[in-house]
Structures are given as C-alpha cells and as structure tokens.
Amino acid sequence: MNITQLQKIVVDALEDIKGRDIEVINTSKLTPLFERIIIACGDSNRQVKSLARNVQDKVREADGQIISTEGEESGEWVLVDLGDIVVHVMQPAIRSYYNLEELWGGKGPERVRRVAAAGA
C-alpha cells in the first residue's frame, strides 16, 4: 500500500466517527523515520480511544500493519504508529499544549492539508 492510500484510509477512518481538526503534515524531508504525521482531536477520552481504534481497524481491513499503539489506557492522547504514518489522536487541551503542528511543520509548504470539519 502506498503512502497516499494509507493516508486516505486514516483520514477517512477519523472522519467516519467525527474526528475534528484533522491535520496531515509531510515529514519526509525532516526525518527518515516516517513520511506523514496525522493529528486529530476527539472531545472525550472515549472518543479519542474510539478514533484510534477505528484507524487501527480500517488499516487492518486494508491489510496494513500496525507497528504499535501508545496511550490507549488514558485516552487523552493516543499514538498509532503505522510505519510510514504516525497518527496522534488527542483531546483539544493536550493538542494545544504540545502544539505538534508547529514542532513538525509550522505553517510552511510541507503541510499537506488541513481536512475540513465535517458539515462545515
């Protein structure tokens, strides 16, 4: 599966259950470890866990590989490592505090896209 297909699967999985403020950042020129970071918000511990679980389920259905998952026990910030893509699902306060968008991509040309909120 190529990076574009995997990215679409992840974004669709997040949108399926109302993930908010989905951001895709191209990190291919910043690190050889992975090509994209996808960040999304969930409004509660339960939603954050559900978003991360849906990403894992949809990737597995497409015969993709889950390398590891961290943070499922708390539900404030769940990281799903898919190899070429690292998915961060966070509650808004955690996302604002750590500000991964600025750390990894800023507002520069490496940002792939900001996904419009559903219904907006």
C-alpha atoms as a PDB file:
ATOM      1  CA  MET A   1       0.000   0.000   0.000  1.00  0.00           C
ATOM      2  CA  ASN A   2       1.460   3.386  -0.921  1.00  0.00           C
ATOM      3  CA  ILE A   3       1.554   6.452   1.333  1.00  0.00           C
ATOM      4  CA  THR A   4      -1.361   8.170  -0.442  1.00  0.00           C
ATOM      5  CA  GLN A   5      -3.638   5.151   0.011  1.00  0.00           C
ATOM      6  CA  LEU A   6      -2.664   4.753   3.659  1.00  0.00           C
ATOM      7  CA  GLN A   7      -3.196   8.463   4.310  1.00  0.00           C
ATOM      8  CA  LYS A   8      -6.686   8.306   2.769  1.00  0.00           C
ATOM      9  CA  ILE A   9      -7.612   5.272   4.870  1.00  0.00           C
ATOM     10  CA  VAL A  10      -6.505   7.041   8.059  1.00  0.00           C
ATOM     11  CA  VAL A  11      -8.248  10.340   7.285  1.00  0.00           C
ATOM     12  CA  ASP A  12     -11.448   8.537   6.267  1.00  0.00           C
ATOM     13  CA  ALA A  13     -11.351   6.464   9.475  1.00  0.00           C
ATOM     14  CA  LEU A  14     -11.018   9.642  11.548  1.00  0.00           C
ATOM     15  CA  GLU A  15     -13.803  11.408   9.664  1.00  0.00           C
ATOM     16  CA  ASP A  16     -16.100   8.353   9.992  1.00  0.00           C
ATOM     17  CA  ILE A  17     -16.567   8.938  13.695  1.00  0.00           C
ATOM     18  CA  LYS A  18     -16.358  12.719  13.796  1.00  0.00           C
ATOM     19  CA  GLY A  19     -12.662  13.352  14.395  1.00  0.00           C
ATOM     20  CA  ARG A  20     -12.106  17.116  14.439  1.00  0.00           C
ATOM     21  CA  ASP A  21      -9.352  19.416  13.153  1.00  0.00           C
ATOM     22  CA  ILE A  22      -7.619  16.693  11.149  1.00  0.00           C
ATOM     23  CA  GLU A  23      -4.178  17.827  10.027  1.00  0.00           C
ATOM     24  CA  VAL A  24      -1.771  15.993   7.698  1.00  0.00           C
ATOM     25  CA  ILE A  25       1.897  17.046   7.828  1.00  0.00           C
ATOM     26  CA  ASN A  26       4.554  15.846   5.392  1.00  0.00           C
ATOM     27  CA  THR A  27       7.676  14.994   7.404  1.00  0.00           C
ATOM     28  CA  SER A  28       9.613  13.207   4.649  1.00  0.00           C
ATOM     29  CA  LYS A  29      12.231  15.983   4.461  1.00  0.00           C
ATOM     30  CA  LEU A  30      12.525  16.266   8.248  1.00  0.00           C
ATOM     31  CA  THR A  31      13.106  12.652   9.301  1.00  0.00           C
ATOM     32  CA  PRO A  32      13.757   9.300   7.625  1.00  0.00           C
ATOM     33  CA  LEU A  33      11.617   7.531  10.245  1.00  0.00           C
ATOM     34  CA  PHE A  34       8.180   8.299   8.780  1.00  0.00           C
ATOM     35  CA  GLU A  35       6.607  10.270   5.935  1.00  0.00           C
ATOM     36  CA  ARG A  36       3.493  11.791   7.478  1.00  0.00           C
ATOM     37  CA  ILE A  37       2.033  12.820  10.790  1.00  0.00           C
ATOM     38  CA  ILE A  38      -1.741  12.931  11.032  1.00  0.00           C
ATOM     39  CA  ILE A  39      -3.213  14.765  14.007  1.00  0.00           C
ATOM     40  CA  ALA A  40      -6.880  14.794  15.040  1.00  0.00           C
ATOM     41  CA  CYS A  41      -8.963  15.780  18.041  1.00  0.00           C
ATOM     42  CA  GLY A  42     -11.619  13.939  19.982  1.00  0.00           C
ATOM     43  CA  ASP A  43     -13.826  15.594  22.584  1.00  0.00           C
ATOM     44  CA  SER A  44     -13.537  12.958  25.327  1.00  0.00           C
ATOM     45  CA  ASN A  45     -11.386  10.039  26.455  1.00  0.00           C
ATOM     46  CA  ARG A  46     -13.940   7.680  24.942  1.00  0.00           C
ATOM     47  CA  GLN A  47     -13.941   9.435  21.564  1.00  0.00           C
ATOM     48  CA  VAL A  48     -10.125   9.627  21.424  1.00  0.00           C
ATOM     49  CA  LYS A  49      -9.917   5.889  22.095  1.00  0.00           C
ATOM     50  CA  SER A  50     -12.652   5.171  19.526  1.00  0.00           C
ATOM     51  CA  LEU A  51     -10.935   7.267  16.857  1.00  0.00           C
ATOM     52  CA  ALA A  52      -7.630   5.477  17.396  1.00  0.00           C
ATOM     53  CA  ARG A  53      -9.336   2.084  17.397  1.00  0.00           C
ATOM     54  CA  ASN A  54     -11.202   2.898  14.164  1.00  0.00           C
ATOM     55  CA  VAL A  55      -7.917   3.877  12.484  1.00  0.00           C
ATOM     56  CA  GLN A  56      -6.406   0.556  13.535  1.00  0.00           C
ATOM     57  CA  ASP A  57      -9.435  -1.411  12.364  1.00  0.00           C
ATOM     58  CA  LYS A  58      -9.584   0.269   8.947  1.00  0.00           C
ATOM     59  CA  VAL A  59      -5.832  -0.135   8.367  1.00  0.00           C
ATOM     60  CA  ARG A  60      -6.036  -3.839   9.262  1.00  0.00           C
ATOM     61  CA  GLU A  61      -9.050  -4.279   6.930  1.00  0.00           C
ATOM     62  CA  ALA A  62      -6.874  -2.884   4.118  1.00  0.00           C
ATOM     63  CA  ASP A  63      -4.110  -5.368   5.030  1.00  0.00           C
ATOM     64  CA  GLY A  64      -1.957  -2.627   6.524  1.00  0.00           C
ATOM     65  CA  GLN A  65       0.320  -3.087   9.507  1.00  0.00           C
ATOM     66  CA  ILE A  66       0.029  -1.516  12.958  1.00  0.00           C
ATOM     67  CA  ILE A  67       3.533  -1.185  14.413  1.00  0.00           C
ATOM     68  CA  SER A  68       2.418  -0.086  17.875  1.00  0.00           C
ATOM     69  CA  THR A  69      -0.108   1.925  19.852  1.00  0.00           C
ATOM     70  CA  GLU A  70       0.502   4.051  22.932  1.00  0.00           C
ATOM     71  CA  GLY A  71      -1.822   5.895  25.320  1.00  0.00           C
ATOM     72  CA  GLU A  72      -4.995   3.841  24.978  1.00  0.00           C
ATOM     73  CA  GLU A  73      -5.299   3.399  28.716  1.00  0.00           C
ATOM     74  CA  SER A  74      -5.718   7.135  29.430  1.00  0.00           C
ATOM     75  CA  GLY A  75      -7.452   8.312  26.269  1.00  0.00           C
ATOM     76  CA  GLU A  76      -6.066  11.835  26.438  1.00  0.00           C
ATOM     77  CA  TRP A  77      -3.516  11.221  23.676  1.00  0.00           C
ATOM     78  CA  VAL A  78      -3.323   8.026  21.653  1.00  0.00           C
ATOM     79  CA  LEU A  79      -0.484   7.467  19.194  1.00  0.00           C
ATOM     80  CA  VAL A  80      -0.886   4.887  16.431  1.00  0.00           C
ATOM     81  CA  ASP A  81       2.350   4.003  14.607  1.00  0.00           C
ATOM     82  CA  LEU A  82       1.690   2.728  11.087  1.00  0.00           C
ATOM     83  CA  GLY A  83       5.312   2.838   9.959  1.00  0.00           C
ATOM     84  CA  ASP A  84       5.156   5.491   7.232  1.00  0.00           C
ATOM     85  CA  ILE A  85       2.446   7.421   9.084  1.00  0.00           C
ATOM     86  CA  VAL A  86       2.227   8.290  12.772  1.00  0.00           C
ATOM     87  CA  VAL A  87      -1.290   9.171  13.924  1.00  0.00           C
ATOM     88  CA  HIS A  88      -1.856  11.344  17.002  1.00  0.00           C
ATOM     89  CA  VAL A  89      -5.402  11.484  18.364  1.00  0.00           C
ATOM     90  CA  MET A  90      -5.661  13.998  21.194  1.00  0.00           C
ATOM     91  CA  GLN A  91      -8.068  15.949  23.302  1.00  0.00           C
ATOM     92  CA  PRO A  92      -8.031  19.665  22.371  1.00  0.00           C
ATOM     93  CA  ALA A  93      -6.248  20.859  25.548  1.00  0.00           C
ATOM     94  CA  ILE A  94      -3.449  18.303  25.092  1.00  0.00           C
ATOM     95  CA  ARG A  95      -3.113  19.177  21.409  1.00  0.00           C
ATOM     96  CA  SER A  96      -2.917  22.873  22.171  1.00  0.00           C
ATOM     97  CA  TYR A  97      -0.321  22.343  24.903  1.00  0.00           C
ATOM     98  CA  TYR A  98       2.055  20.190  22.821  1.00  0.00           C
ATOM     99  CA  ASN A  99       1.402  22.018  19.510  1.00  0.00           C
ATOM    100  CA  LEU A 100       2.829  19.272  17.274  1.00  0.00           C
ATOM    101  CA  GLU A 101       1.875  21.191  14.134  1.00  0.00           C
ATOM    102  CA  GLU A 102       4.382  23.918  14.922  1.00  0.00           C
ATOM    103  CA  LEU A 103       7.040  21.455  16.044  1.00  0.00           C
ATOM    104  CA  TRP A 104       6.861  19.353  12.882  1.00  0.00           C
ATOM    105  CA  GLY A 105       5.670  21.628  10.145  1.00  0.00           C
ATOM    106  CA  GLY A 106       4.849  25.152  11.139  1.00  0.00           C
ATOM    107  CA  LYS A 107       2.654  26.899   8.605  1.00  0.00           C
ATOM    108  CA  GLY A 108       5.143  26.290   5.792  1.00  0.00           C
ATOM    109  CA  PRO A 109       4.965  24.447   2.487  1.00  0.00           C
ATOM    110  CA  GLU A 110       5.414  20.967   3.991  1.00  0.00           C
ATOM    111  CA  ARG A 111       1.872  20.942   5.319  1.00  0.00           C
ATOM    112  CA  VAL A 112      -0.056  18.548   3.105  1.00  0.00           C
ATOM    113  CA  ARG A 113      -3.557  19.587   4.016  1.00  0.00           C
ATOM    114  CA  ARG A 114      -5.945  20.541   6.722  1.00  0.00           C
ATOM    115  CA  VAL A 115      -9.072  18.472   6.412  1.00  0.00           C
ATOM    116  CA  ALA A 116     -12.288  20.490   6.617  1.00  0.00           C
ATOM    117  CA  ALA A 117     -14.508  19.721   9.564  1.00  0.00           C
ATOM    118  CA  ALA A 118     -17.478  17.524   8.720  1.00  0.00           C
ATOM    119  CA  GLY A 119     -20.551  19.586   7.987  1.00  0.00           C
ATOM    120  CA  ALA A 120     -18.554  22.819   7.722  1.00  0.00           C
END
